[in-house]
Amino acid sequence: MAFVKHVDQRSRSALPARVALSSNGGSKLPCLRISLKASFAAEAQIKSTDRFDLMFGTDDDLGVVRLQRDADGTCAPRLSKAAASFRFAHVEQHGTVLHAAEKCAAEIIKDKDVDAIEITLPSWAAEQQE
């Protein structure tokens, strides 16, 4: 049996992730931005040389994404004193409407086959995927 730490959704400042659809330079299509608090990134042992793939949950995991660590991954994090940030090109299933950053729950998943961070998307992202 697995246990997951309860996160009080009323105290959103304690949530470790932020997710946004924001402008993407000169492109008319928004990009997906994910930021993780520096303390959470340190706990997940994220380094600037790491590479990650973005994976979208389906079925029971709809509305959840994974940042899957992979040596050949498509995205490297940008590390600062405040956060580890990821910027992904336009994600078609999230549409073209910009959305301000929202705080989200996240957890570190580590076992023999998986080294990832699971992030529960804001309601606007989950609704777009349905």
N, C-alpha and C. Protein backbone atom coordinates (compact mmCIF):
# COMPACT_ATOMS: atom_id res chain seq x y z
N MET A 1 0.85 -1.17 0.00
CA MET A 1 0.00 0.00 0.00
C MET A 1 0.89 1.24 0.00
N ALA A 2 0.56 2.22 -0.81
CA ALA A 2 1.34 3.46 -0.90
C ALA A 2 0.62 4.59 -0.19
N PHE A 3 1.37 5.50 0.34
CA PHE A 3 0.80 6.66 1.02
C PHE A 3 1.35 7.93 0.38
N VAL A 4 0.49 8.94 0.28
CA VAL A 4 0.87 10.23 -0.28
C VAL A 4 0.58 11.29 0.77
N LYS A 5 1.51 12.18 0.98
CA LYS A 5 1.35 13.25 1.97
C LYS A 5 0.18 14.15 1.57
N HIS A 6 -0.66 14.45 2.53
CA HIS A 6 -1.79 15.35 2.31
C HIS A 6 -1.28 16.78 2.19
N VAL A 7 -1.75 17.50 1.19
CA VAL A 7 -1.40 18.91 1.00
C VAL A 7 -2.67 19.72 1.18
N ASP A 8 -2.64 20.62 2.15
CA ASP A 8 -3.79 21.47 2.43
C ASP A 8 -3.96 22.46 1.29
N GLN A 9 -4.99 22.28 0.47
CA GLN A 9 -5.20 23.12 -0.70
C GLN A 9 -5.55 24.56 -0.31
N ARG A 10 -6.00 24.80 0.91
CA ARG A 10 -6.31 26.16 1.34
C ARG A 10 -5.03 26.97 1.53
N SER A 11 -3.95 26.29 1.87
CA SER A 11 -2.67 26.96 2.05
C SER A 11 -1.84 26.75 0.79
N ARG A 12 -2.22 27.41 -0.27
CA ARG A 12 -1.58 27.19 -1.57
C ARG A 12 -0.14 27.66 -1.61
N SER A 13 0.28 28.52 -0.69
CA SER A 13 1.67 28.98 -0.71
C SER A 13 2.64 27.84 -0.41
N ALA A 14 2.16 26.78 0.22
CA ALA A 14 3.01 25.64 0.54
C ALA A 14 3.21 24.71 -0.67
N LEU A 15 2.43 24.90 -1.72
CA LEU A 15 2.55 24.02 -2.88
C LEU A 15 3.86 24.29 -3.62
N PRO A 16 4.53 23.23 -4.07
CA PRO A 16 5.88 23.39 -4.62
C PRO A 16 5.98 23.75 -6.09
N ALA A 17 4.88 23.72 -6.85
CA ALA A 17 4.96 23.95 -8.30
C ALA A 17 4.06 25.09 -8.73
N ARG A 18 4.43 25.70 -9.87
CA ARG A 18 3.59 26.71 -10.52
C ARG A 18 3.54 26.34 -12.00
N VAL A 19 2.34 26.43 -12.58
CA VAL A 19 2.14 26.09 -13.99
C VAL A 19 1.43 27.26 -14.67
N ALA A 20 1.92 27.62 -15.88
CA ALA A 20 1.32 28.73 -16.64
C ALA A 20 1.37 28.44 -18.13
N LEU A 21 0.47 29.07 -18.86
CA LEU A 21 0.57 29.15 -20.32
C LEU A 21 0.85 30.62 -20.59
N SER A 22 2.04 30.89 -21.10
CA SER A 22 2.44 32.28 -21.28
C SER A 22 2.95 32.54 -22.68
N SER A 23 3.15 33.82 -22.99
CA SER A 23 3.60 34.19 -24.33
C SER A 23 4.95 33.54 -24.63
N ASN A 24 5.14 33.27 -25.88
CA ASN A 24 6.31 32.52 -26.33
C ASN A 24 7.09 33.36 -27.34
N GLY A 25 7.66 34.46 -26.87
CA GLY A 25 8.41 35.33 -27.77
C GLY A 25 7.52 35.86 -28.87
N GLY A 26 7.94 35.68 -30.13
CA GLY A 26 7.19 36.17 -31.27
C GLY A 26 6.06 35.27 -31.72
N SER A 27 5.98 34.07 -31.17
CA SER A 27 4.95 33.12 -31.57
C SER A 27 3.58 33.55 -31.03
N LYS A 28 2.54 33.26 -31.78
CA LYS A 28 1.18 33.55 -31.32
C LYS A 28 0.66 32.45 -30.39
N LEU A 29 1.33 31.31 -30.37
CA LEU A 29 0.91 30.19 -29.54
C LEU A 29 1.64 30.22 -28.20
N PRO A 30 0.91 30.03 -27.10
CA PRO A 30 1.55 30.08 -25.78
C PRO A 30 2.40 28.85 -25.51
N CYS A 31 3.39 29.03 -24.63
CA CYS A 31 4.21 27.89 -24.21
C CYS A 31 3.84 27.51 -22.78
N LEU A 32 4.12 26.28 -22.44
CA LEU A 32 3.85 25.76 -21.10
C LEU A 32 5.07 26.02 -20.24
N ARG A 33 4.86 26.65 -19.11
CA ARG A 33 5.96 26.93 -18.17
C ARG A 33 5.64 26.25 -16.84
N ILE A 34 6.63 25.53 -16.33
CA ILE A 34 6.51 24.86 -15.04
C ILE A 34 7.69 25.31 -14.19
N SER A 35 7.40 25.78 -12.98
CA SER A 35 8.44 26.18 -12.04
C SER A 35 8.28 25.40 -10.75
N LEU A 36 9.41 24.99 -10.20
CA LEU A 36 9.43 24.27 -8.93
C LEU A 36 10.22 25.08 -7.92
N LYS A 37 9.70 25.20 -6.70
CA LYS A 37 10.42 25.93 -5.65
C LYS A 37 11.82 25.35 -5.51
N ALA A 38 12.78 26.21 -5.18
CA ALA A 38 14.17 25.79 -5.05
C ALA A 38 14.33 24.67 -4.03
N SER A 39 13.62 24.73 -2.92
CA SER A 39 13.74 23.69 -1.90
C SER A 39 13.23 22.35 -2.42
N PHE A 40 12.15 22.38 -3.20
CA PHE A 40 11.61 21.15 -3.79
C PHE A 40 12.57 20.63 -4.87
N ALA A 41 13.13 21.52 -5.68
CA ALA A 41 14.09 21.13 -6.71
C ALA A 41 15.33 20.48 -6.08
N ALA A 42 15.77 21.03 -4.95
CA ALA A 42 16.92 20.45 -4.26
C ALA A 42 16.59 19.06 -3.73
N GLU A 43 15.39 18.90 -3.19
CA GLU A 43 14.95 17.59 -2.71
C GLU A 43 14.88 16.59 -3.85
N ALA A 44 14.49 17.04 -5.04
CA ALA A 44 14.41 16.18 -6.22
C ALA A 44 15.77 16.00 -6.89
N GLN A 45 16.78 16.67 -6.35
CA GLN A 45 18.16 16.58 -6.86
C GLN A 45 18.26 16.98 -8.33
N ILE A 46 17.59 18.08 -8.69
CA ILE A 46 17.64 18.59 -10.05
C ILE A 46 18.92 19.39 -10.25
N LYS A 47 19.64 19.07 -11.30
CA LYS A 47 20.87 19.78 -11.65
C LYS A 47 20.70 20.43 -13.02
N SER A 48 21.48 21.45 -13.30
CA SER A 48 21.35 22.16 -14.57
C SER A 48 21.73 21.27 -15.75
N THR A 49 22.47 20.21 -15.52
CA THR A 49 22.87 19.30 -16.60
C THR A 49 21.84 18.20 -16.86
N ASP A 50 20.82 18.11 -16.02
CA ASP A 50 19.77 17.10 -16.21
C ASP A 50 18.93 17.42 -17.43
N ARG A 51 18.34 16.40 -18.00
CA ARG A 51 17.40 16.54 -19.12
C ARG A 51 16.10 15.84 -18.70
N PHE A 52 14.98 16.39 -19.17
CA PHE A 52 13.66 15.85 -18.82
C PHE A 52 12.77 15.78 -20.04
N ASP A 53 11.87 14.82 -20.04
CA ASP A 53 10.79 14.73 -21.02
C ASP A 53 9.50 15.08 -20.30
N LEU A 54 8.58 15.70 -21.02
CA LEU A 54 7.27 16.04 -20.49
C LEU A 54 6.31 14.94 -20.91
N MET A 55 5.66 14.32 -19.93
CA MET A 55 4.73 13.22 -20.20
C MET A 55 3.37 13.58 -19.63
N PHE A 56 2.32 13.37 -20.42
CA PHE A 56 0.95 13.69 -20.01
C PHE A 56 0.22 12.45 -19.55
N GLY A 57 -0.47 12.56 -18.42
CA GLY A 57 -1.26 11.46 -17.91
C GLY A 57 -2.50 11.24 -18.74
N THR A 58 -2.95 9.99 -18.79
CA THR A 58 -4.18 9.63 -19.48
C THR A 58 -5.06 8.85 -18.52
N ASP A 59 -6.29 8.64 -18.90
CA ASP A 59 -7.24 7.86 -18.11
C ASP A 59 -7.28 8.36 -16.66
N ASP A 60 -6.92 7.52 -15.70
CA ASP A 60 -6.97 7.91 -14.29
C ASP A 60 -5.99 9.03 -13.95
N ASP A 61 -4.96 9.21 -14.76
CA ASP A 61 -3.95 10.23 -14.51
C ASP A 61 -4.17 11.49 -15.35
N LEU A 62 -5.33 11.64 -15.93
CA LEU A 62 -5.65 12.84 -16.70
C LEU A 62 -5.55 14.05 -15.78
N GLY A 63 -4.93 15.11 -16.26
CA GLY A 63 -4.75 16.30 -15.43
C GLY A 63 -3.45 16.29 -14.64
N VAL A 64 -2.59 15.31 -14.92
CA VAL A 64 -1.30 15.20 -14.25
C VAL A 64 -0.23 15.11 -15.33
N VAL A 65 0.90 15.78 -15.10
CA VAL A 65 2.05 15.64 -16.00
C VAL A 65 3.23 15.12 -15.18
N ARG A 66 4.14 14.50 -15.90
CA ARG A 66 5.39 14.05 -15.30
C ARG A 66 6.55 14.72 -16.00
N LEU A 67 7.48 15.20 -15.23
CA LEU A 67 8.77 15.61 -15.74
C LEU A 67 9.66 14.40 -15.51
N GLN A 68 9.86 13.63 -16.56
CA GLN A 68 10.59 12.35 -16.49
C GLN A 68 12.06 12.59 -16.81
N ARG A 69 12.94 12.29 -15.86
CA ARG A 69 14.37 12.46 -16.08
C ARG A 69 14.83 11.45 -17.12
N ASP A 70 15.53 11.95 -18.16
CA ASP A 70 16.01 11.09 -19.24
C ASP A 70 17.25 11.76 -19.85
N ALA A 71 18.33 11.00 -19.99
CA ALA A 71 19.58 11.56 -20.52
C ALA A 71 19.38 12.19 -21.89
N ASP A 72 18.40 11.70 -22.66
CA ASP A 72 18.11 12.24 -23.99
C ASP A 72 16.87 13.11 -24.00
N GLY A 73 16.44 13.60 -22.85
CA GLY A 73 15.22 14.39 -22.73
C GLY A 73 15.26 15.66 -23.54
N THR A 74 14.10 16.23 -23.78
CA THR A 74 13.98 17.40 -24.65
C THR A 74 14.16 18.73 -23.95
N CYS A 75 14.19 18.76 -22.60
CA CYS A 75 14.23 20.03 -21.89
C CYS A 75 15.20 19.97 -20.72
N ALA A 76 15.98 21.02 -20.57
CA ALA A 76 16.86 21.17 -19.41
C ALA A 76 16.28 22.24 -18.50
N PRO A 77 16.42 22.10 -17.20
CA PRO A 77 15.89 23.12 -16.30
C PRO A 77 16.78 24.35 -16.25
N ARG A 78 16.18 25.47 -15.96
CA ARG A 78 16.93 26.68 -15.66
C ARG A 78 16.87 26.84 -14.15
N LEU A 79 18.02 26.85 -13.51
CA LEU A 79 18.07 26.94 -12.06
C LEU A 79 18.40 28.36 -11.61
N SER A 80 17.70 28.81 -10.59
CA SER A 80 17.99 30.08 -9.95
C SER A 80 17.92 29.86 -8.44
N LYS A 81 18.18 30.90 -7.68
CA LYS A 81 18.10 30.76 -6.22
C LYS A 81 16.67 30.47 -5.77
N ALA A 82 15.70 30.88 -6.56
CA ALA A 82 14.29 30.76 -6.17
C ALA A 82 13.60 29.52 -6.73
N ALA A 83 14.05 29.02 -7.91
CA ALA A 83 13.27 27.97 -8.56
C ALA A 83 14.08 27.22 -9.62
N ALA A 84 13.51 26.08 -10.00
CA ALA A 84 13.94 25.35 -11.20
C ALA A 84 12.79 25.53 -12.19
N SER A 85 13.10 26.07 -13.36
CA SER A 85 12.05 26.38 -14.33
C SER A 85 12.22 25.57 -15.61
N PHE A 86 11.08 25.19 -16.18
CA PHE A 86 11.05 24.43 -17.43
C PHE A 86 10.14 25.18 -18.39
N ARG A 87 10.56 25.31 -19.64
CA ARG A 87 9.75 25.97 -20.67
C ARG A 87 9.61 25.01 -21.83
N PHE A 88 8.37 24.67 -22.13
CA PHE A 88 8.06 23.75 -23.22
C PHE A 88 7.33 24.50 -24.33
N ALA A 89 7.58 24.11 -25.56
CA ALA A 89 6.89 24.71 -26.69
C ALA A 89 5.38 24.54 -26.53
N HIS A 90 4.64 25.11 -27.45
CA HIS A 90 3.18 25.04 -27.41
C HIS A 90 2.70 23.60 -27.24
N VAL A 91 1.75 23.41 -26.32
CA VAL A 91 1.14 22.11 -26.08
C VAL A 91 -0.28 22.19 -26.63
N GLU A 92 -0.51 21.52 -27.74
CA GLU A 92 -1.77 21.66 -28.47
C GLU A 92 -3.01 21.42 -27.63
N GLN A 93 -2.98 20.40 -26.77
CA GLN A 93 -4.20 20.07 -26.01
C GLN A 93 -4.55 21.12 -24.97
N HIS A 94 -3.66 22.09 -24.70
CA HIS A 94 -3.98 23.14 -23.74
C HIS A 94 -4.55 24.39 -24.39
N GLY A 95 -4.67 24.38 -25.71
CA GLY A 95 -5.31 25.49 -26.40
C GLY A 95 -4.39 26.68 -26.59
N THR A 96 -5.00 27.83 -26.92
CA THR A 96 -4.23 29.02 -27.26
C THR A 96 -4.48 30.20 -26.32
N VAL A 97 -5.25 29.98 -25.27
CA VAL A 97 -5.55 31.04 -24.31
C VAL A 97 -4.43 31.09 -23.27
N LEU A 98 -3.93 32.31 -23.00
CA LEU A 98 -2.90 32.47 -21.97
C LEU A 98 -3.52 32.29 -20.59
N HIS A 99 -2.77 31.69 -19.68
CA HIS A 99 -3.21 31.49 -18.30
C HIS A 99 -2.07 31.88 -17.37
N ALA A 100 -2.38 32.71 -16.38
CA ALA A 100 -1.37 33.11 -15.39
C ALA A 100 -0.93 31.90 -14.59
N ALA A 101 0.24 32.00 -13.99
CA ALA A 101 0.78 30.90 -13.20
C ALA A 101 -0.13 30.62 -12.00
N GLU A 102 -0.35 29.34 -11.76
CA GLU A 102 -1.13 28.90 -10.60
C GLU A 102 -0.29 27.90 -9.83
N LYS A 103 -0.40 27.96 -8.51
CA LYS A 103 0.33 27.02 -7.66
C LYS A 103 -0.34 25.67 -7.73
N CYS A 104 0.50 24.62 -7.75
CA CYS A 104 0.00 23.25 -7.92
C CYS A 104 0.75 22.29 -7.00
N ALA A 105 0.12 21.18 -6.73
CA ALA A 105 0.76 20.11 -5.96
C ALA A 105 1.74 19.36 -6.86
N ALA A 106 2.81 18.87 -6.25
CA ALA A 106 3.80 18.08 -6.98
C ALA A 106 4.40 17.07 -6.01
N GLU A 107 4.86 15.97 -6.57
CA GLU A 107 5.54 14.97 -5.74
C GLU A 107 6.65 14.31 -6.53
N ILE A 108 7.65 13.87 -5.81
CA ILE A 108 8.80 13.20 -6.40
C ILE A 108 8.49 11.72 -6.48
N ILE A 109 8.70 11.13 -7.66
CA ILE A 109 8.46 9.70 -7.87
C ILE A 109 9.82 9.06 -8.18
N LYS A 110 10.27 8.19 -7.30
CA LYS A 110 11.54 7.49 -7.53
C LYS A 110 11.35 6.03 -7.17
N ASP A 111 11.60 5.19 -8.14
CA ASP A 111 11.69 3.76 -7.89
C ASP A 111 12.64 3.20 -8.94
N LYS A 112 12.71 1.89 -9.06
CA LYS A 112 13.71 1.30 -9.96
C LYS A 112 13.49 1.68 -11.43
N ASP A 113 12.25 1.96 -11.84
CA ASP A 113 11.96 2.25 -13.24
C ASP A 113 11.67 3.72 -13.52
N VAL A 114 11.36 4.50 -12.48
CA VAL A 114 10.89 5.87 -12.69
C VAL A 114 11.69 6.85 -11.83
N ASP A 115 12.14 7.92 -12.45
CA ASP A 115 12.76 9.04 -11.76
C ASP A 115 12.09 10.29 -12.32
N ALA A 116 11.05 10.75 -11.63
CA ALA A 116 10.21 11.80 -12.20
C ALA A 116 9.62 12.68 -11.12
N ILE A 117 9.01 13.77 -11.57
CA ILE A 117 8.24 14.66 -10.72
C ILE A 117 6.84 14.71 -11.30
N GLU A 118 5.85 14.39 -10.50
CA GLU A 118 4.45 14.44 -10.94
C GLU A 118 3.82 15.73 -10.46
N ILE A 119 3.18 16.43 -11.38
CA ILE A 119 2.56 17.71 -11.08
C ILE A 119 1.08 17.65 -11.44
N THR A 120 0.24 17.99 -10.49
CA THR A 120 -1.20 18.08 -10.74
C THR A 120 -1.47 19.42 -11.40
N LEU A 121 -2.00 19.40 -12.60
CA LEU A 121 -2.21 20.62 -13.38
C LEU A 121 -3.36 21.45 -12.82
N PRO A 122 -3.34 22.76 -13.09
CA PRO A 122 -4.48 23.60 -12.70
C PRO A 122 -5.74 23.15 -13.43
N SER A 123 -6.88 23.57 -12.96
CA SER A 123 -8.15 23.13 -13.53
C SER A 123 -8.26 23.48 -15.02
N TRP A 124 -7.73 24.64 -15.45
CA TRP A 124 -7.82 25.01 -16.86
C TRP A 124 -7.10 24.01 -17.75
N ALA A 125 -6.02 23.45 -17.31
CA ALA A 125 -5.26 22.47 -18.11
C ALA A 125 -6.00 21.14 -18.17
N ALA A 126 -6.51 20.71 -17.05
CA ALA A 126 -7.23 19.44 -17.01
C ALA A 126 -8.49 19.49 -17.85
N GLU A 127 -9.20 20.63 -17.83
CA GLU A 127 -10.43 20.78 -18.63
C GLU A 127 -10.12 20.74 -20.11
N GLN A 128 -9.01 21.29 -20.52
CA GLN A 128 -8.64 21.30 -21.95
C GLN A 128 -8.34 19.90 -22.45
N GLN A 129 -7.85 19.01 -21.58
CA GLN A 129 -7.46 17.67 -21.99
C GLN A 129 -8.66 16.75 -22.15
N GLU A 130 -9.77 17.07 -21.57
CA GLU A 130 -10.93 16.17 -21.61
C GLU A 130 -11.56 16.12 -22.98
